[in-house]
Amino acid sequence: MKIACLPLDSRPCNLDFLSELADHAGYRVLLPDTMDEYTRPSSYASSHDFLMKAGKKADGFVISVDHLCYGSLLASRNMGVSAQEALSRLNETVSALNSAFPGRPVSLFNTIIRSTISALRLTDLPVYRAMTAYAENLDRWEVTGDEACHAKAEEARGQIPEEILREYLQVRERNHAVNRACIRLCREGAAASLLLLMEDAQPYGFHRREQRILRRDMEGLRNVWLHNGTDEGGALCLARQMCPGGSTAEVRYLGGSNGLFTARYEDRPFQENLDSSMDYAQIRDTEGAEKLLLIAAPPDGIQEETDEHADADRLRAMAEETDRAVEAGRQVYLLDLIRANGGSRRFMELLRHPRKLWGYSAWNTAGNSLGTILAQILTDTAAARPCTAFRDERLLDDLIYESLIRPELNRQLMEEGKDPYHLVDREDAEEKMRRLYSACPMALMRDMPGYEASLPWKRTFEVRIRMRGGHGIV
């Protein structure tokens, strides 16, 4: 079977993951030949034409609305496309697909824009932080009446250039209108399902007002979901189409922890995101199931950018619990949420069998990691075997790159006066990165199969890992 996918953008998590998971499940994913490149968006004409041509072969569609309407995730954060044009693109394409290919499911996913701007250079960081503080404190003030929050909001606003704030608020209004239109398409039956994914956020901010309206729009619908995430959306939507019967898995928090913590860059307790994502994926929490999803939550309930604060005895107990499950022959999937933006080196070094896991995920936000591992569970269910190459890529990326290599690579670049957010010499950065991989001291690297590492965009935020055995099983 074939599924036509319009990815969120050209990063590996939104492009390569789809191909690898589809290959593993015995599907073929149809992807555009022409894509965005960092700050250059895709053209609407090419995206629309791709979907109409691919539809002649496809059994279903997975569509990033951000890509369709604006050209990419980054492009969704500026006013390069008017609200009227964005709505026209959405309605035109979905209508054309329904007319030309009736009965073929159209799965949509889209983001609720993050609480701040994009940081495309180091010099953007002060405004990036100020916008976050402005949105959070303004909402806190409106909810609580705390004048100290109002003062903080005004202080932060004073650090944001007026033209940047004006465009940001216009973008929020436009994107909100598009999200409401997506819900209407689901209510009318033009779209089979919709994932509304809350991009980087905090418990307070502009997004809270929008979510209240969106939830009212969603009332009575069983085909719309709203939770934290973004970059995992395409893989999870694709996996749901490839495994329509869902799956079963026993879900267990390690070390007596629970899902009551609110992860960094998210706006609600993790358990709410888990429940919603599991419901979308149609994965049923079943005690004693062959598949076991182990969740390594922050031992103290606070997720930070590093794992330095985590208690060593708690980490050791969590690792021993994981090893016992692996040694008992369970199909173990490890969701490592001990820290944000990467796996916990301290925890993973305690494991005896990291490469006997069926799946691993720890990258970026908790929602990104969660959706990615649920997609692995679904595709492994469809394939009836683990995708060990995908697991190894996650270890090399989510754990090794994000937790060890990227921080040191950024340090080296900045020491030389270079901007890791905007690389002028990508080849030099890649060479530094490869040297760091070669010198990595972690034991799991000793028997790692051959792989290639590169930087897909002119920044260090993400890496592309390809196992030399190709996609699928090594």
Protein backbone atom coordinates (compact mmCIF):
# COMPACT_ATOMS: atom_id res chain seq x y z
CA MET A 1 0.00 0.00 0.00
CA LYS A 2 1.01 3.60 -0.58
CA ILE A 3 0.39 6.76 1.45
CA ALA A 4 1.07 10.28 0.15
CA CYS A 5 2.65 12.49 2.81
CA LEU A 6 3.24 16.22 2.82
CA PRO A 7 5.78 16.51 5.70
CA LEU A 8 6.08 19.41 8.10
CA ASP A 9 9.46 20.31 6.60
CA SER A 10 12.67 18.74 5.28
CA ARG A 11 14.35 17.93 8.61
CA PRO A 12 15.10 14.23 9.22
CA CYS A 13 12.41 13.91 11.91
CA ASN A 14 9.79 15.02 9.41
CA LEU A 15 11.12 13.36 6.26
CA ASP A 16 13.48 10.45 6.98
CA PHE A 17 11.41 9.09 9.86
CA LEU A 18 8.43 8.69 7.52
CA SER A 19 10.38 6.72 4.92
CA GLU A 20 12.05 4.47 7.46
CA LEU A 21 8.90 3.63 9.40
CA ALA A 22 6.89 3.03 6.23
CA ASP A 23 9.58 0.77 4.76
CA HIS A 24 9.66 -1.19 7.99
CA ALA A 25 5.88 -1.68 8.02
CA GLY A 26 5.83 -2.81 4.39
CA TYR A 27 4.28 0.39 3.06
CA ARG A 28 5.54 2.87 0.54
CA VAL A 29 5.39 6.53 1.47
CA LEU A 30 5.16 9.03 -1.38
CA LEU A 31 7.04 12.25 -0.61
CA PRO A 32 7.56 15.49 -2.56
CA ASP A 33 10.67 15.84 -4.72
CA THR A 34 10.77 19.59 -3.98
CA MET A 35 10.95 20.64 -0.35
CA ASP A 36 11.85 23.61 1.84
CA GLU A 37 15.47 24.33 2.83
CA TYR A 38 15.80 25.92 6.28
CA THR A 39 14.37 29.44 5.87
CA ARG A 40 13.30 28.92 2.23
CA PRO A 41 9.73 27.55 2.20
CA SER A 42 8.21 25.16 -0.30
CA SER A 43 5.86 26.63 -2.88
CA TYR A 44 2.16 26.00 -2.57
CA ALA A 45 1.86 25.15 -6.25
CA SER A 46 4.42 22.35 -5.98
CA SER A 47 2.83 20.98 -2.80
CA HIS A 48 -0.67 20.99 -4.29
CA ASP A 49 0.55 19.39 -7.53
CA PHE A 50 2.44 16.72 -5.60
CA LEU A 51 -0.67 15.69 -3.68
CA MET A 52 -2.84 15.56 -6.78
CA LYS A 53 -0.30 13.46 -8.72
CA ALA A 54 0.53 11.18 -5.78
CA GLY A 55 -3.17 10.67 -5.16
CA LYS A 56 -3.42 8.61 -8.34
CA LYS A 57 -1.28 5.95 -6.59
CA ALA A 58 -2.03 6.57 -2.92
CA ASP A 59 -4.44 4.79 -0.62
CA GLY A 60 -4.49 7.73 1.78
CA PHE A 61 -3.01 11.14 2.62
CA VAL A 62 -1.11 12.60 5.58
CA ILE A 63 -0.85 16.38 5.29
CA SER A 64 1.00 18.96 7.34
CA VAL A 65 -1.24 22.02 7.19
CA ASP A 66 1.73 24.24 8.09
CA HIS A 67 3.53 22.96 4.99
CA LEU A 68 0.48 23.22 2.77
CA CYS A 69 -0.55 26.73 3.82
CA TYR A 70 2.82 28.39 4.55
CA GLY A 71 5.57 26.19 3.10
CA SER A 72 7.17 24.83 6.32
CA LEU A 73 7.11 25.09 10.10
CA LEU A 74 9.54 28.02 10.14
CA ALA A 75 7.48 29.80 7.46
CA SER A 76 4.37 29.34 9.60
CA ARG A 77 5.90 31.82 12.07
CA ASN A 78 6.00 34.81 9.72
CA MET A 79 3.47 36.68 7.59
CA GLY A 80 4.78 35.58 4.21
CA VAL A 81 1.25 34.32 3.48
CA SER A 82 -1.92 36.26 4.31
CA ALA A 83 -4.77 34.71 6.28
CA GLN A 84 -7.02 34.81 3.21
CA GLU A 85 -4.44 33.03 1.05
CA ALA A 86 -3.72 30.41 3.73
CA LEU A 87 -7.40 29.54 4.10
CA SER A 88 -7.81 29.44 0.34
CA ARG A 89 -4.92 26.98 -0.01
CA LEU A 90 -6.32 24.70 2.69
CA ASN A 91 -9.84 24.62 1.31
CA GLU A 92 -8.77 24.33 -2.32
CA THR A 93 -6.48 21.35 -1.76
CA VAL A 94 -8.71 19.37 0.61
CA SER A 95 -11.70 19.92 -1.67
CA ALA A 96 -9.70 18.83 -4.73
CA LEU A 97 -8.49 15.66 -3.00
CA ASN A 98 -12.01 14.73 -1.91
CA SER A 99 -13.38 15.31 -5.40
CA ALA A 100 -10.61 13.43 -7.22
CA PHE A 101 -10.11 10.59 -4.71
CA PRO A 102 -13.34 10.01 -2.77
CA GLY A 103 -13.14 7.62 0.14
CA ARG A 104 -9.38 7.93 0.67
CA PRO A 105 -8.61 9.18 4.19
CA VAL A 106 -7.13 12.66 4.58
CA SER A 107 -5.26 12.93 7.90
CA LEU A 108 -4.33 16.50 8.85
CA PHE A 109 -1.92 17.72 11.49
CA ASN A 110 -1.13 21.30 12.41
CA THR A 111 0.51 23.33 15.15
CA ILE A 112 -0.74 25.91 17.58
CA ILE A 113 2.11 28.36 17.23
CA ARG A 114 4.76 28.47 19.93
CA SER A 115 4.95 31.11 22.66
CA THR A 116 7.77 32.99 20.98
CA ILE A 117 9.60 33.71 17.73
CA SER A 118 12.10 31.54 15.86
CA ALA A 119 15.74 31.89 16.92
CA LEU A 120 17.68 31.80 13.64
CA ARG A 121 20.85 33.42 14.99
CA LEU A 122 22.46 33.84 18.39
CA THR A 123 21.49 37.51 18.24
CA ASP A 124 17.79 36.50 18.15
CA LEU A 125 17.94 34.96 21.63
CA PRO A 126 17.24 38.13 23.68
CA VAL A 127 13.99 38.78 21.78
CA TYR A 128 13.17 35.04 21.84
CA ARG A 129 13.37 35.09 25.64
CA ALA A 130 11.59 38.44 25.99
CA MET A 131 8.62 37.27 23.89
CA THR A 132 8.30 34.14 26.03
CA ALA A 133 8.35 36.22 29.22
CA TYR A 134 5.85 38.74 27.78
CA ALA A 135 3.32 36.08 26.75
CA GLU A 136 3.62 34.13 30.01
CA ASN A 137 3.42 37.07 32.40
CA LEU A 138 0.65 38.86 30.52
CA ASP A 139 -1.53 35.75 30.72
CA ARG A 140 -0.67 35.20 34.39
CA TRP A 141 -1.69 38.78 35.13
CA GLU A 142 -5.00 38.39 33.27
CA VAL A 143 -5.75 35.14 35.14
CA THR A 144 -4.53 36.06 38.64
CA GLY A 145 -4.60 39.85 38.72
CA ASP A 146 -1.05 39.82 40.11
CA GLU A 147 0.37 43.26 39.38
CA ALA A 148 3.93 41.93 39.68
CA CYS A 149 3.22 39.76 36.61
CA HIS A 150 1.87 42.81 34.78
CA ALA A 151 5.06 44.71 35.56
CA LYS A 152 7.18 41.82 34.29
CA ALA A 153 5.09 41.64 31.11
CA GLU A 154 5.57 45.34 30.45
CA GLU A 155 9.29 45.07 31.11
CA ALA A 156 9.57 42.20 28.64
CA ARG A 157 7.46 44.00 26.03
CA GLY A 158 9.88 46.91 26.19
CA GLN A 159 12.62 44.57 24.97
CA ILE A 160 10.68 43.48 21.86
CA PRO A 161 10.86 45.68 18.73
CA GLU A 162 7.36 46.87 17.86
CA GLU A 163 7.42 45.49 14.32
CA ILE A 164 8.38 42.01 15.59
CA LEU A 165 5.58 41.99 18.15
CA ARG A 166 3.06 43.26 15.60
CA GLU A 167 3.91 40.52 13.10
CA TYR A 168 3.95 37.84 15.80
CA LEU A 169 0.42 38.73 16.91
CA GLN A 170 -0.78 38.82 13.28
CA VAL A 171 0.72 35.36 12.72
CA ARG A 172 -1.04 34.01 15.80
CA GLU A 173 -4.38 35.36 14.58
CA ARG A 174 -3.90 33.91 11.07
CA ASN A 175 -2.77 30.49 12.29
CA HIS A 176 -5.64 30.31 14.75
CA ALA A 177 -8.11 30.93 11.93
CA VAL A 178 -6.53 28.10 9.94
CA ASN A 179 -6.78 25.73 12.93
CA ARG A 180 -10.46 26.55 13.30
CA ALA A 181 -10.95 25.87 9.59
CA CYS A 182 -9.27 22.47 9.99
CA ILE A 183 -11.77 21.55 12.71
CA ARG A 184 -14.62 22.56 10.40
CA LEU A 185 -13.22 20.23 7.71
CA CYS A 186 -13.32 17.38 10.23
CA ARG A 187 -16.87 18.23 11.27
CA GLU A 188 -17.95 18.30 7.61
CA GLY A 189 -16.25 14.95 6.89
CA ALA A 190 -13.76 16.44 4.42
CA ALA A 191 -10.87 15.36 6.69
CA ALA A 192 -10.76 12.00 8.45
CA SER A 193 -8.79 13.24 11.45
CA LEU A 194 -6.89 16.21 12.83
CA LEU A 195 -4.00 16.44 15.27
CA LEU A 196 -3.66 19.92 16.79
CA LEU A 197 -0.19 20.03 18.29
CA MET A 198 0.77 22.66 20.83
CA GLU A 199 4.25 23.83 19.90
CA ASP A 200 6.78 24.98 22.55
CA ALA A 201 4.77 26.56 25.35
CA GLN A 202 4.43 27.15 29.08
CA PRO A 203 1.40 26.71 31.36
CA TYR A 204 0.55 30.39 30.74
CA GLY A 205 0.60 32.29 27.47
CA PHE A 206 -1.37 33.51 24.43
CA HIS A 207 -2.10 29.92 23.40
CA ARG A 208 -4.45 29.38 26.33
CA ARG A 209 -7.08 31.72 24.88
CA GLU A 210 -6.85 30.02 21.49
CA GLN A 211 -7.13 26.56 23.00
CA ARG A 212 -10.35 27.48 24.81
CA ILE A 213 -11.91 28.48 21.48
CA LEU A 214 -10.55 25.42 19.68
CA ARG A 215 -11.90 23.09 22.36
CA ARG A 216 -15.34 24.64 21.98
CA ASP A 217 -15.08 24.08 18.22
CA MET A 218 -14.10 20.44 18.89
CA GLU A 219 -17.13 19.66 21.08
CA GLY A 220 -18.89 16.50 19.96
CA LEU A 221 -16.09 15.47 17.58
CA ARG A 222 -14.23 12.18 17.99
CA ASN A 223 -11.74 12.80 15.19
CA VAL A 224 -9.83 15.81 16.57
CA TRP A 225 -7.08 15.66 19.22
CA LEU A 226 -5.17 18.50 20.92
CA HIS A 227 -2.00 17.97 22.92
CA ASN A 228 1.65 19.05 23.16
CA GLY A 229 4.01 18.21 20.32
CA THR A 230 4.89 19.22 16.76
CA ASP A 231 7.71 17.36 15.02
CA GLU A 232 6.36 13.89 15.80
CA GLY A 233 3.03 14.62 14.11
CA GLY A 234 3.81 13.29 10.64
CA ALA A 235 5.27 10.01 11.88
CA LEU A 236 2.35 9.39 14.23
CA CYS A 237 -0.30 10.22 11.61
CA LEU A 238 1.42 7.94 9.11
CA ALA A 239 1.76 5.11 11.63
CA ARG A 240 -1.95 5.35 12.49
CA GLN A 241 -2.88 4.92 8.82
CA MET A 242 -0.47 2.00 8.43
CA CYS A 243 -1.74 0.24 11.56
CA PRO A 244 -5.46 1.14 11.67
CA GLY A 245 -6.23 -1.51 14.27
CA GLY A 246 -3.84 0.09 16.72
CA SER A 247 -1.91 -2.02 19.20
CA THR A 248 -1.61 -2.96 22.85
CA ALA A 249 1.18 -2.08 25.24
CA GLU A 250 1.61 -2.07 28.97
CA VAL A 251 2.57 1.42 30.13
CA ARG A 252 4.72 1.72 33.24
CA TYR A 253 6.53 4.63 34.87
CA LEU A 254 9.96 3.68 36.18
CA GLY A 255 11.05 4.06 39.77
CA GLY A 256 7.60 4.72 41.20
CA SER A 257 7.33 8.05 39.34
CA ASN A 258 4.17 9.26 37.60
CA GLY A 259 2.97 11.49 34.79
CA LEU A 260 1.95 14.44 36.95
CA PHE A 261 5.03 16.46 36.01
CA THR A 262 4.78 19.20 33.38
CA ALA A 263 7.67 18.85 30.96
CA ARG A 264 9.80 21.78 29.89
CA TYR A 265 8.31 23.62 26.87
CA GLU A 266 4.86 22.14 27.57
CA ASP A 267 1.71 23.50 29.13
CA ARG A 268 0.02 20.57 30.88
CA PRO A 269 0.86 17.45 32.93
CA PHE A 270 2.58 14.80 30.84
CA GLN A 271 -0.12 12.22 31.62
CA GLU A 272 -2.68 14.32 29.69
CA ASN A 273 -0.44 14.23 26.62
CA LEU A 274 0.12 10.49 27.05
CA ASP A 275 -3.61 9.78 27.28
CA SER A 276 -4.43 11.90 24.23
CA SER A 277 -1.56 10.54 22.12
CA MET A 278 -2.37 6.93 23.03
CA ASP A 279 -6.00 7.54 22.12
CA TYR A 280 -5.03 8.99 18.74
CA ALA A 281 -2.63 6.11 18.06
CA GLN A 282 -5.26 3.59 19.24
CA ILE A 283 -2.71 1.94 21.53
CA ARG A 284 -4.49 0.34 24.46
CA ASP A 285 -2.74 0.23 27.84
CA THR A 286 -2.98 -3.48 28.66
CA GLU A 287 -1.33 -5.10 31.64
CA GLY A 288 0.83 -8.02 30.60
CA ALA A 289 0.94 -7.09 26.91
CA GLU A 290 4.00 -8.23 24.94
CA LYS A 291 5.01 -4.64 24.33
CA LEU A 292 6.09 -2.69 27.40
CA LEU A 293 6.41 1.09 27.27
CA LEU A 294 8.70 2.18 30.10
CA ILE A 295 8.68 5.89 30.90
CA ALA A 296 11.74 7.34 32.60
CA ALA A 297 10.22 10.48 34.09
CA PRO A 298 12.29 13.07 35.96
CA PRO A 299 12.94 11.44 39.37
CA ASP A 300 12.12 14.65 41.24
CA GLY A 301 9.25 15.63 38.93
CA ILE A 302 11.15 18.57 37.42
CA GLN A 303 12.46 18.33 33.88
CA GLU A 304 15.54 20.44 33.24
CA GLU A 305 17.91 20.87 30.28
CA THR A 306 20.43 18.53 31.94
CA ASP A 307 20.23 15.44 34.15
CA GLU A 308 22.74 16.71 36.74
CA HIS A 309 20.05 17.19 39.37
CA ALA A 310 18.72 13.61 39.11
CA ASP A 311 19.37 11.41 42.15
CA ALA A 312 21.92 8.70 41.33
CA ASP A 313 20.23 6.01 43.44
CA ARG A 314 16.89 6.64 41.74
CA LEU A 315 18.52 6.44 38.30
CA ARG A 316 20.20 3.15 39.24
CA ALA A 317 16.90 1.65 40.41
CA MET A 318 15.19 2.76 37.19
CA ALA A 319 17.97 1.20 35.10
CA GLU A 320 17.75 -2.08 37.00
CA GLU A 321 13.99 -2.19 36.45
CA THR A 322 14.52 -1.65 32.72
CA ASP A 323 17.18 -4.38 32.52
CA ARG A 324 14.94 -6.86 34.33
CA ALA A 325 12.18 -6.29 31.78
CA VAL A 326 14.58 -6.77 28.87
CA GLU A 327 16.07 -9.91 30.40
CA ALA A 328 12.56 -11.30 30.94
CA GLY A 329 12.03 -11.18 27.18
CA ARG A 330 9.59 -8.27 27.08
CA GLN A 331 9.45 -6.08 23.96
CA VAL A 332 10.69 -2.98 25.77
CA TYR A 333 10.29 0.57 24.47
CA LEU A 334 12.10 3.18 26.57
CA LEU A 335 10.81 6.76 26.63
CA ASP A 336 13.57 8.78 28.29
CA LEU A 337 12.14 12.05 29.67
CA ILE A 338 14.60 12.58 32.51
CA ARG A 339 15.84 15.76 30.84
CA ALA A 340 14.64 17.95 27.97
CA ASN A 341 16.32 18.11 24.56
CA GLY A 342 18.10 14.78 24.74
CA GLY A 343 18.49 11.52 26.60
CA SER A 344 20.06 11.11 30.02
CA ARG A 345 23.65 9.93 29.68
CA ARG A 346 23.85 9.14 33.39
CA PHE A 347 20.78 6.89 33.19
CA MET A 348 21.67 5.18 29.91
CA GLU A 349 25.20 4.36 31.04
CA LEU A 350 23.66 2.28 33.83
CA LEU A 351 21.75 0.02 31.42
CA ARG A 352 23.24 -3.37 30.63
CA HIS A 353 21.29 -3.89 27.40
CA PRO A 354 20.54 -0.58 25.63
CA ARG A 355 20.73 -2.23 22.19
CA LYS A 356 18.27 -4.96 23.18
CA LEU A 357 15.52 -2.37 23.52
CA TRP A 358 12.85 -2.58 20.81
CA GLY A 359 12.57 1.20 20.74
CA TYR A 360 14.08 4.33 22.27
CA SER A 361 13.11 7.99 22.13
CA ALA A 362 14.44 11.03 23.98
CA TRP A 363 14.81 13.95 21.57
CA ASN A 364 13.62 17.55 21.82
CA THR A 365 10.41 17.93 23.85
CA ALA A 366 8.55 15.24 25.77
CA GLY A 367 5.69 15.40 23.24
CA ASN A 368 8.09 14.89 20.33
CA SER A 369 9.65 11.89 22.06
CA LEU A 370 6.29 10.42 23.02
CA GLY A 371 4.77 10.58 19.53
CA THR A 372 7.92 9.11 18.00
CA ILE A 373 7.98 6.05 20.26
CA LEU A 374 4.25 5.47 19.77
CA ALA A 375 4.86 5.50 16.02
CA GLN A 376 7.59 2.88 16.57
CA ILE A 377 5.15 0.69 18.51
CA LEU A 378 2.57 0.88 15.72
CA THR A 379 4.99 0.18 12.89
CA ASP A 380 6.60 -2.69 14.82
CA THR A 381 3.08 -4.08 15.31
CA ALA A 382 2.45 -3.89 11.57
CA ALA A 383 5.84 -5.46 10.79
CA ALA A 384 5.74 -8.00 13.66
CA ARG A 385 9.40 -7.28 14.41
CA PRO A 386 11.54 -4.41 15.76
CA CYS A 387 13.15 -1.81 13.53
CA THR A 388 16.61 -2.01 15.05
CA ALA A 389 18.10 0.49 12.61
CA PHE A 390 15.59 3.13 13.71
CA ARG A 391 16.35 2.33 17.36
CA ASP A 392 20.09 2.69 16.76
CA GLU A 393 19.54 6.01 14.98
CA ARG A 394 17.61 7.25 17.99
CA LEU A 395 20.46 6.21 20.31
CA LEU A 396 23.00 7.98 18.08
CA ASP A 397 20.83 11.07 17.72
CA ASP A 398 18.56 11.49 20.75
CA LEU A 399 21.15 10.31 23.26
CA ILE A 400 24.66 10.70 21.85
CA TYR A 401 24.25 13.80 19.68
CA GLU A 402 21.77 15.80 21.74
CA SER A 403 23.26 15.09 25.15
CA LEU A 404 27.00 14.83 24.46
CA ILE A 405 28.05 16.00 21.01
CA ARG A 406 25.87 19.01 20.30
CA PRO A 407 26.76 20.90 23.52
CA GLU A 408 30.48 20.37 22.89
CA LEU A 409 30.14 21.19 19.18
CA ASN A 410 28.37 24.45 20.03
CA ARG A 411 31.06 25.28 22.58
CA GLN A 412 33.83 24.74 20.04
CA LEU A 413 32.06 26.79 17.38
CA MET A 414 31.32 29.72 19.68
CA GLU A 415 34.88 29.64 20.98
CA GLU A 416 35.92 30.30 17.36
CA GLY A 417 33.39 33.13 17.04
CA LYS A 418 30.96 31.06 14.94
CA ASP A 419 27.17 30.99 15.26
CA PRO A 420 25.74 27.44 15.72
CA TYR A 421 22.29 28.79 14.79
CA HIS A 422 23.56 30.08 11.44
CA LEU A 423 26.52 28.12 10.09
CA VAL A 424 28.59 29.80 7.40
CA ASP A 425 30.85 26.75 7.02
CA ARG A 426 28.67 23.66 7.47
CA GLU A 427 31.47 21.31 6.31
CA ASP A 428 33.76 22.50 9.10
CA ALA A 429 31.01 21.95 11.69
CA GLU A 430 30.34 18.47 10.31
CA GLU A 431 34.00 17.55 10.53
CA LYS A 432 34.10 18.68 14.17
CA MET A 433 30.93 16.68 14.83
CA ARG A 434 32.35 13.48 13.30
CA ARG A 435 35.49 13.77 15.39
CA LEU A 436 33.33 14.04 18.49
CA TYR A 437 31.38 10.93 17.49
CA SER A 438 34.63 9.03 17.00
CA ALA A 439 35.83 10.05 20.46
CA CYS A 440 32.52 9.32 22.23
CA PRO A 441 33.31 7.31 25.41
CA MET A 442 29.90 5.66 25.90
CA ALA A 443 30.09 1.85 25.94
CA LEU A 444 27.12 1.36 23.61
CA MET A 445 29.20 2.90 20.78
CA ARG A 446 31.62 -0.05 20.81
CA ASP A 447 29.41 -2.46 18.85
CA MET A 448 27.30 0.12 17.02
CA PRO A 449 26.89 -0.78 13.31
CA GLY A 450 28.25 1.57 10.67
CA TYR A 451 26.49 4.90 10.28
CA GLU A 452 26.83 8.30 8.61
CA ALA A 453 26.24 11.60 10.39
CA SER A 454 25.59 14.97 8.74
CA LEU A 455 23.94 18.32 9.45
CA PRO A 456 20.82 18.65 7.27
CA TRP A 457 20.54 22.42 7.69
CA LYS A 458 23.04 25.20 8.34
CA ARG A 459 22.68 24.92 12.09
CA THR A 460 23.54 22.40 14.80
CA PHE A 461 20.05 21.93 16.23
CA GLU A 462 19.48 18.58 14.51
CA VAL A 463 21.61 15.83 12.97
CA ARG A 464 20.86 13.33 10.21
CA ILE A 465 21.91 9.78 11.11
CA ARG A 466 21.79 7.04 8.46
CA MET A 467 22.70 3.46 9.32
CA ARG A 468 24.88 2.08 6.53
CA GLY A 469 22.60 -0.93 6.26
CA GLY A 470 19.93 1.45 4.95
CA HIS A 471 16.41 2.03 6.21
CA GLY A 472 14.56 -0.74 7.93
CA ILE A 473 16.15 -3.72 9.66
CA VAL A 474 19.94 -4.03 10.03
